[in-house]
Amino acid sequence: MNTITVDERYVAELSDNEAGELVPYDNQVIEASNDEEAIGKASQWAASQRLGVVAMLSVKQGIRGVHSRKIYLGA
């Protein structure tokens, strides 16, 4: 049985900022052995979302911000 440790758990979140308010679209827990793997998996997950908007993709491990960038989510 594989056990996932806290160090291997990341959260990817898609959100936007409208009128100064954070608007979350979706999020996903990602299991990865390092930051680069988590960013790659988060980018693949985000690319599969079809919201027809430009959103902020953020990847975090606990409270630590790992990666953040704007991404177009095709319709």
N, C-alpha and C. Protein backbone atom coordinates (compact mmCIF):
# COMPACT_ATOMS: atom_id res chain seq x y z
N MET A 1 0.84 -1.18 0.00
CA MET A 1 0.00 0.00 0.00
C MET A 1 0.88 1.24 0.00
N ASN A 2 0.62 2.16 -0.93
CA ASN A 2 1.37 3.41 -1.00
C ASN A 2 0.73 4.44 -0.09
N THR A 3 1.52 5.08 0.72
CA THR A 3 1.03 6.12 1.60
C THR A 3 1.52 7.46 1.07
N ILE A 4 0.61 8.41 0.93
CA ILE A 4 0.95 9.75 0.46
C ILE A 4 1.29 10.61 1.67
N THR A 5 2.46 11.23 1.65
CA THR A 5 2.84 12.10 2.75
C THR A 5 2.42 13.54 2.43
N VAL A 6 2.42 14.36 3.43
CA VAL A 6 2.06 15.77 3.25
C VAL A 6 3.02 16.42 2.25
N ASP A 7 4.29 16.00 2.26
CA ASP A 7 5.28 16.57 1.35
C ASP A 7 5.01 16.24 -0.11
N GLU A 8 4.16 15.24 -0.39
CA GLU A 8 3.85 14.85 -1.76
C GLU A 8 2.50 15.37 -2.22
N ARG A 9 1.82 16.15 -1.39
CA ARG A 9 0.49 16.63 -1.73
C ARG A 9 0.53 18.12 -2.06
N TYR A 10 0.02 18.43 -3.22
CA TYR A 10 -0.05 19.80 -3.71
C TYR A 10 -1.51 20.11 -4.05
N VAL A 11 -1.84 21.38 -4.12
CA VAL A 11 -3.17 21.79 -4.56
C VAL A 11 -3.01 22.76 -5.73
N ALA A 12 -3.69 22.43 -6.82
CA ALA A 12 -3.75 23.32 -7.98
C ALA A 12 -5.09 24.02 -7.94
N GLU A 13 -5.09 25.31 -8.18
CA GLU A 13 -6.33 26.08 -8.14
C GLU A 13 -6.41 27.01 -9.34
N LEU A 14 -7.59 27.06 -9.93
CA LEU A 14 -7.89 28.01 -11.00
C LEU A 14 -8.81 29.07 -10.41
N SER A 15 -8.44 30.33 -10.58
CA SER A 15 -9.24 31.42 -10.03
C SER A 15 -9.05 32.68 -10.87
N ASP A 16 -9.81 33.70 -10.54
CA ASP A 16 -9.67 34.99 -11.17
C ASP A 16 -9.96 36.05 -10.13
N ASN A 17 -9.66 37.28 -10.47
CA ASN A 17 -9.89 38.39 -9.56
C ASN A 17 -10.83 39.36 -10.26
N GLU A 18 -12.06 39.44 -9.79
CA GLU A 18 -13.04 40.35 -10.36
C GLU A 18 -13.44 41.39 -9.33
N ALA A 19 -13.24 42.65 -9.70
CA ALA A 19 -13.58 43.79 -8.82
C ALA A 19 -12.94 43.64 -7.44
N GLY A 20 -11.70 43.16 -7.43
CA GLY A 20 -10.97 43.05 -6.17
C GLY A 20 -11.33 41.83 -5.34
N GLU A 21 -12.20 40.96 -5.83
CA GLU A 21 -12.62 39.77 -5.10
C GLU A 21 -12.08 38.52 -5.80
N LEU A 22 -11.56 37.59 -5.04
CA LEU A 22 -11.10 36.33 -5.58
C LEU A 22 -12.30 35.47 -5.98
N VAL A 23 -12.29 34.99 -7.22
CA VAL A 23 -13.36 34.13 -7.72
C VAL A 23 -12.76 32.78 -8.07
N PRO A 24 -12.94 31.77 -7.20
CA PRO A 24 -12.39 30.45 -7.51
C PRO A 24 -13.23 29.73 -8.56
N TYR A 25 -12.56 29.07 -9.50
CA TYR A 25 -13.26 28.28 -10.52
C TYR A 25 -13.25 26.81 -10.16
N ASP A 26 -12.08 26.27 -9.85
CA ASP A 26 -11.95 24.85 -9.57
C ASP A 26 -10.61 24.60 -8.90
N ASN A 27 -10.47 23.44 -8.24
CA ASN A 27 -9.19 23.06 -7.66
C ASN A 27 -9.04 21.55 -7.71
N GLN A 28 -7.82 21.10 -7.55
CA GLN A 28 -7.51 19.68 -7.64
C GLN A 28 -6.32 19.36 -6.75
N VAL A 29 -6.43 18.28 -5.96
CA VAL A 29 -5.29 17.80 -5.18
C VAL A 29 -4.41 16.98 -6.12
N ILE A 30 -3.12 17.24 -6.07
CA ILE A 30 -2.16 16.58 -6.95
C ILE A 30 -1.11 15.89 -6.10
N GLU A 31 -0.80 14.66 -6.45
CA GLU A 31 0.27 13.93 -5.78
C GLU A 31 1.51 14.01 -6.67
N ALA A 32 2.62 14.48 -6.10
CA ALA A 32 3.86 14.62 -6.87
C ALA A 32 5.04 14.51 -5.92
N SER A 33 6.16 14.07 -6.46
CA SER A 33 7.35 13.89 -5.63
C SER A 33 8.19 15.16 -5.50
N ASN A 34 7.92 16.16 -6.38
CA ASN A 34 8.66 17.42 -6.28
C ASN A 34 7.85 18.55 -6.95
N ASP A 35 8.34 19.76 -6.81
CA ASP A 35 7.64 20.93 -7.34
C ASP A 35 7.46 20.86 -8.85
N GLU A 36 8.50 20.48 -9.57
CA GLU A 36 8.43 20.45 -11.04
C GLU A 36 7.37 19.46 -11.52
N GLU A 37 7.31 18.30 -10.89
CA GLU A 37 6.29 17.32 -11.25
C GLU A 37 4.89 17.86 -10.94
N ALA A 38 4.74 18.52 -9.82
CA ALA A 38 3.44 19.09 -9.44
C ALA A 38 3.01 20.16 -10.43
N ILE A 39 3.93 21.01 -10.87
CA ILE A 39 3.61 22.06 -11.84
C ILE A 39 3.19 21.44 -13.17
N GLY A 40 3.89 20.40 -13.59
CA GLY A 40 3.53 19.71 -14.83
C GLY A 40 2.15 19.08 -14.76
N LYS A 41 1.86 18.40 -13.65
CA LYS A 41 0.54 17.77 -13.49
C LYS A 41 -0.55 18.83 -13.38
N ALA A 42 -0.26 19.93 -12.70
CA ALA A 42 -1.25 21.01 -12.57
C ALA A 42 -1.53 21.64 -13.93
N SER A 43 -0.51 21.82 -14.73
CA SER A 43 -0.69 22.40 -16.06
C SER A 43 -1.53 21.48 -16.94
N GLN A 44 -1.30 20.17 -16.87
CA GLN A 44 -2.11 19.21 -17.63
C GLN A 44 -3.56 19.25 -17.17
N TRP A 45 -3.77 19.28 -15.86
CA TRP A 45 -5.14 19.33 -15.33
C TRP A 45 -5.82 20.61 -15.79
N ALA A 46 -5.13 21.75 -15.67
CA ALA A 46 -5.72 23.04 -16.06
C ALA A 46 -6.08 23.05 -17.53
N ALA A 47 -5.23 22.47 -18.37
CA ALA A 47 -5.49 22.44 -19.82
C ALA A 47 -6.75 21.65 -20.15
N SER A 48 -7.15 20.75 -19.28
CA SER A 48 -8.35 19.94 -19.53
C SER A 48 -9.64 20.67 -19.13
N GLN A 49 -9.51 21.80 -18.44
CA GLN A 49 -10.68 22.56 -18.00
C GLN A 49 -11.16 23.44 -19.14
N ARG A 50 -12.42 23.40 -19.46
CA ARG A 50 -12.99 24.17 -20.58
C ARG A 50 -13.95 25.22 -20.02
N LEU A 51 -13.39 26.34 -19.60
CA LEU A 51 -14.19 27.40 -19.00
C LEU A 51 -14.35 28.62 -19.90
N GLY A 52 -13.53 28.70 -20.96
CA GLY A 52 -13.61 29.84 -21.87
C GLY A 52 -13.20 31.16 -21.25
N VAL A 53 -12.25 31.11 -20.32
CA VAL A 53 -11.79 32.33 -19.64
C VAL A 53 -10.27 32.29 -19.48
N VAL A 54 -9.70 33.44 -19.14
CA VAL A 54 -8.32 33.49 -18.70
C VAL A 54 -8.36 33.44 -17.18
N ALA A 55 -7.60 32.53 -16.60
CA ALA A 55 -7.63 32.35 -15.15
C ALA A 55 -6.20 32.29 -14.62
N MET A 56 -6.08 32.40 -13.32
CA MET A 56 -4.79 32.26 -12.66
C MET A 56 -4.67 30.81 -12.20
N LEU A 57 -3.61 30.13 -12.62
CA LEU A 57 -3.30 28.79 -12.13
C LEU A 57 -2.29 28.94 -11.00
N SER A 58 -2.67 28.49 -9.82
CA SER A 58 -1.77 28.54 -8.66
C SER A 58 -1.53 27.13 -8.16
N VAL A 59 -0.29 26.84 -7.83
CA VAL A 59 0.07 25.54 -7.26
C VAL A 59 0.67 25.81 -5.89
N LYS A 60 0.13 25.14 -4.88
CA LYS A 60 0.61 25.33 -3.51
C LYS A 60 0.88 23.99 -2.86
N GLN A 61 1.81 24.02 -1.93
CA GLN A 61 2.07 22.87 -1.08
C GLN A 61 1.91 23.39 0.34
N GLY A 62 0.77 23.06 0.94
CA GLY A 62 0.43 23.66 2.22
C GLY A 62 0.22 25.15 2.02
N ILE A 63 0.91 25.97 2.78
CA ILE A 63 0.78 27.42 2.60
C ILE A 63 1.85 27.98 1.67
N ARG A 64 2.76 27.14 1.24
CA ARG A 64 3.87 27.57 0.38
C ARG A 64 3.42 27.66 -1.08
N GLY A 65 3.55 28.82 -1.65
CA GLY A 65 3.25 29.00 -3.07
C GLY A 65 4.39 28.44 -3.91
N VAL A 66 4.06 27.54 -4.84
CA VAL A 66 5.07 26.89 -5.66
C VAL A 66 5.14 27.51 -7.05
N HIS A 67 3.98 27.87 -7.61
CA HIS A 67 3.92 28.34 -8.99
C HIS A 67 2.62 29.12 -9.18
N SER A 68 2.67 30.13 -10.05
CA SER A 68 1.47 30.91 -10.35
C SER A 68 1.64 31.54 -11.73
N ARG A 69 0.60 31.39 -12.58
CA ARG A 69 0.65 32.04 -13.90
C ARG A 69 -0.75 32.11 -14.47
N LYS A 70 -0.93 33.07 -15.39
CA LYS A 70 -2.20 33.19 -16.11
C LYS A 70 -2.25 32.13 -17.21
N ILE A 71 -3.44 31.58 -17.42
CA ILE A 71 -3.61 30.53 -18.42
C ILE A 71 -4.97 30.69 -19.08
N TYR A 72 -5.02 30.49 -20.40
CA TYR A 72 -6.30 30.55 -21.09
C TYR A 72 -6.94 29.17 -21.06
N LEU A 73 -8.17 29.10 -20.61
CA LEU A 73 -8.92 27.85 -20.54
C LEU A 73 -9.93 27.86 -21.67
N GLY A 74 -9.59 27.23 -22.77
CA GLY A 74 -10.45 27.23 -23.96
C GLY A 74 -11.85 26.75 -23.69
N ALA A 75 -12.76 27.17 -24.55
CA ALA A 75 -14.17 26.79 -24.40
C ALA A 75 -14.44 25.44 -25.03
